[in-house]
Amino acid sequence: MIIYSVTININQSIEAEWLEWMLKVHIPEVMQTGCFLNYYINRLIEPESQEGTSTYNIQYECLSLEMINKYQQSFAKQLQAKHTEKFNNQFVAFRTLLERL
């Protein structure tokens, strides 16, 4: 199992709006690509985020690297651009790939 992990540090002033948008718009759009089987969204408890921010991690489960490549080539750029347009300069994100053993 391959895990596409997205960690986002978001300004607390927009956290509630961001979380609602992620749960109602962004994550459903990512799942509709058909590249992922499931997802988990987690809020970082420790270490504490920088003052005035909160950190979240979304993990998308995928069967293979080929499906991740399909997502990255066909969908990621557009979906990430939509997120950036909506929350520009109010977040920092980084992405990693993990293998569940």
Protein backbone atom coordinates (compact mmCIF):
# COMPACT_ATOMS: atom_id res chain seq x y z
CA MET A 1 0.00 0.00 0.00
CA ILE A 2 1.33 3.44 -0.95
CA ILE A 3 0.43 6.48 1.15
CA TYR A 4 0.38 9.93 -0.41
CA SER A 5 0.86 12.18 2.61
CA VAL A 6 0.12 15.90 2.54
CA THR A 7 1.08 18.00 5.56
CA ILE A 8 -0.35 21.50 5.75
CA ASN A 9 0.39 24.26 8.22
CA ILE A 10 -2.56 26.68 8.12
CA ASN A 11 -3.18 30.08 9.73
CA GLN A 12 -5.61 29.68 12.63
CA SER A 13 -7.58 32.72 11.46
CA ILE A 14 -8.93 30.66 8.55
CA GLU A 15 -8.62 27.17 10.05
CA ALA A 16 -12.37 26.47 10.40
CA GLU A 17 -13.10 27.67 6.85
CA TRP A 18 -10.14 25.68 5.49
CA LEU A 19 -11.11 22.47 7.30
CA GLU A 20 -14.72 22.69 6.11
CA TRP A 21 -13.56 23.30 2.52
CA MET A 22 -11.12 20.39 2.72
CA LEU A 23 -13.79 17.99 3.99
CA LYS A 24 -16.61 19.14 1.69
CA VAL A 25 -14.75 20.13 -1.50
CA HIS A 26 -11.07 19.29 -1.84
CA ILE A 27 -10.82 15.80 -0.38
CA PRO A 28 -13.97 14.61 -2.20
CA GLU A 29 -12.48 15.95 -5.48
CA VAL A 30 -9.22 14.09 -4.80
CA MET A 31 -11.14 10.89 -4.05
CA GLN A 32 -13.26 11.31 -7.22
CA THR A 33 -10.10 10.95 -9.32
CA GLY A 34 -10.30 7.21 -8.66
CA CYS A 35 -6.62 7.06 -7.74
CA PHE A 36 -7.11 6.48 -4.02
CA LEU A 37 -8.94 3.90 -1.92
CA ASN A 38 -9.32 5.81 1.34
CA TYR A 39 -8.07 8.82 3.24
CA TYR A 40 -7.40 9.91 6.81
CA ILE A 41 -7.16 13.47 8.06
CA ASN A 42 -5.23 14.14 11.25
CA ARG A 43 -4.46 17.23 13.32
CA LEU A 44 -0.96 17.49 14.75
CA ILE A 45 -0.88 17.50 18.56
CA GLU A 46 2.87 17.36 19.24
CA PRO A 47 5.13 19.04 18.60
CA GLU A 48 2.96 22.13 18.79
CA SER A 49 2.58 24.17 15.63
CA GLN A 50 4.01 27.66 15.42
CA GLU A 51 1.95 30.24 17.26
CA GLY A 52 -1.07 31.29 15.24
CA THR A 53 -1.05 28.17 13.06
CA SER A 54 -2.34 24.61 13.11
CA THR A 55 -0.91 21.60 11.30
CA TYR A 56 -2.88 18.86 9.57
CA ASN A 57 -1.83 15.72 7.74
CA ILE A 58 -3.98 14.05 5.10
CA GLN A 59 -3.03 10.51 4.10
CA TYR A 60 -4.45 9.09 0.90
CA GLU A 61 -4.16 5.31 0.44
CA CYS A 62 -3.27 3.98 -3.00
CA LEU A 63 -2.54 0.51 -4.40
CA SER A 64 0.54 1.35 -6.47
CA LEU A 65 3.10 3.90 -7.54
CA GLU A 66 1.49 3.80 -10.99
CA MET A 67 -1.73 5.20 -9.51
CA ILE A 68 0.22 7.93 -7.71
CA ASN A 69 1.91 8.80 -11.01
CA LYS A 70 -1.50 8.95 -12.71
CA TYR A 71 -2.77 11.29 -9.99
CA GLN A 72 0.29 13.52 -10.19
CA GLN A 73 0.27 13.69 -13.99
CA SER A 74 -3.48 14.07 -14.54
CA PHE A 75 -4.99 15.73 -11.48
CA ALA A 76 -2.58 17.08 -8.85
CA LYS A 77 -1.56 20.34 -10.52
CA GLN A 78 -5.15 21.49 -11.05
CA LEU A 79 -6.34 20.50 -7.57
CA GLN A 80 -3.32 22.08 -5.87
CA ALA A 81 -3.82 25.28 -7.87
CA LYS A 82 -7.43 25.47 -6.71
CA HIS A 83 -6.28 25.13 -3.09
CA THR A 84 -3.57 27.75 -3.54
CA GLU A 85 -5.98 30.18 -5.19
CA LYS A 86 -8.46 29.88 -2.32
CA PHE A 87 -5.95 30.05 0.57
CA ASN A 88 -2.99 31.87 -1.00
CA ASN A 89 -0.24 32.98 1.43
CA GLN A 90 -2.11 31.46 4.39
CA PHE A 91 -0.56 27.97 4.41
CA VAL A 92 2.58 25.96 3.82
CA ALA A 93 2.34 22.41 2.45
CA PHE A 94 4.68 19.54 1.76
CA ARG A 95 4.03 16.13 0.28
CA THR A 96 5.68 12.75 0.81
CA LEU A 97 5.17 9.19 -0.38
CA LEU A 98 5.21 6.35 2.13
CA GLU A 99 5.00 2.60 1.80
CA ARG A 100 2.84 0.78 4.32
CA LEU A 101 4.48 -2.53 5.17
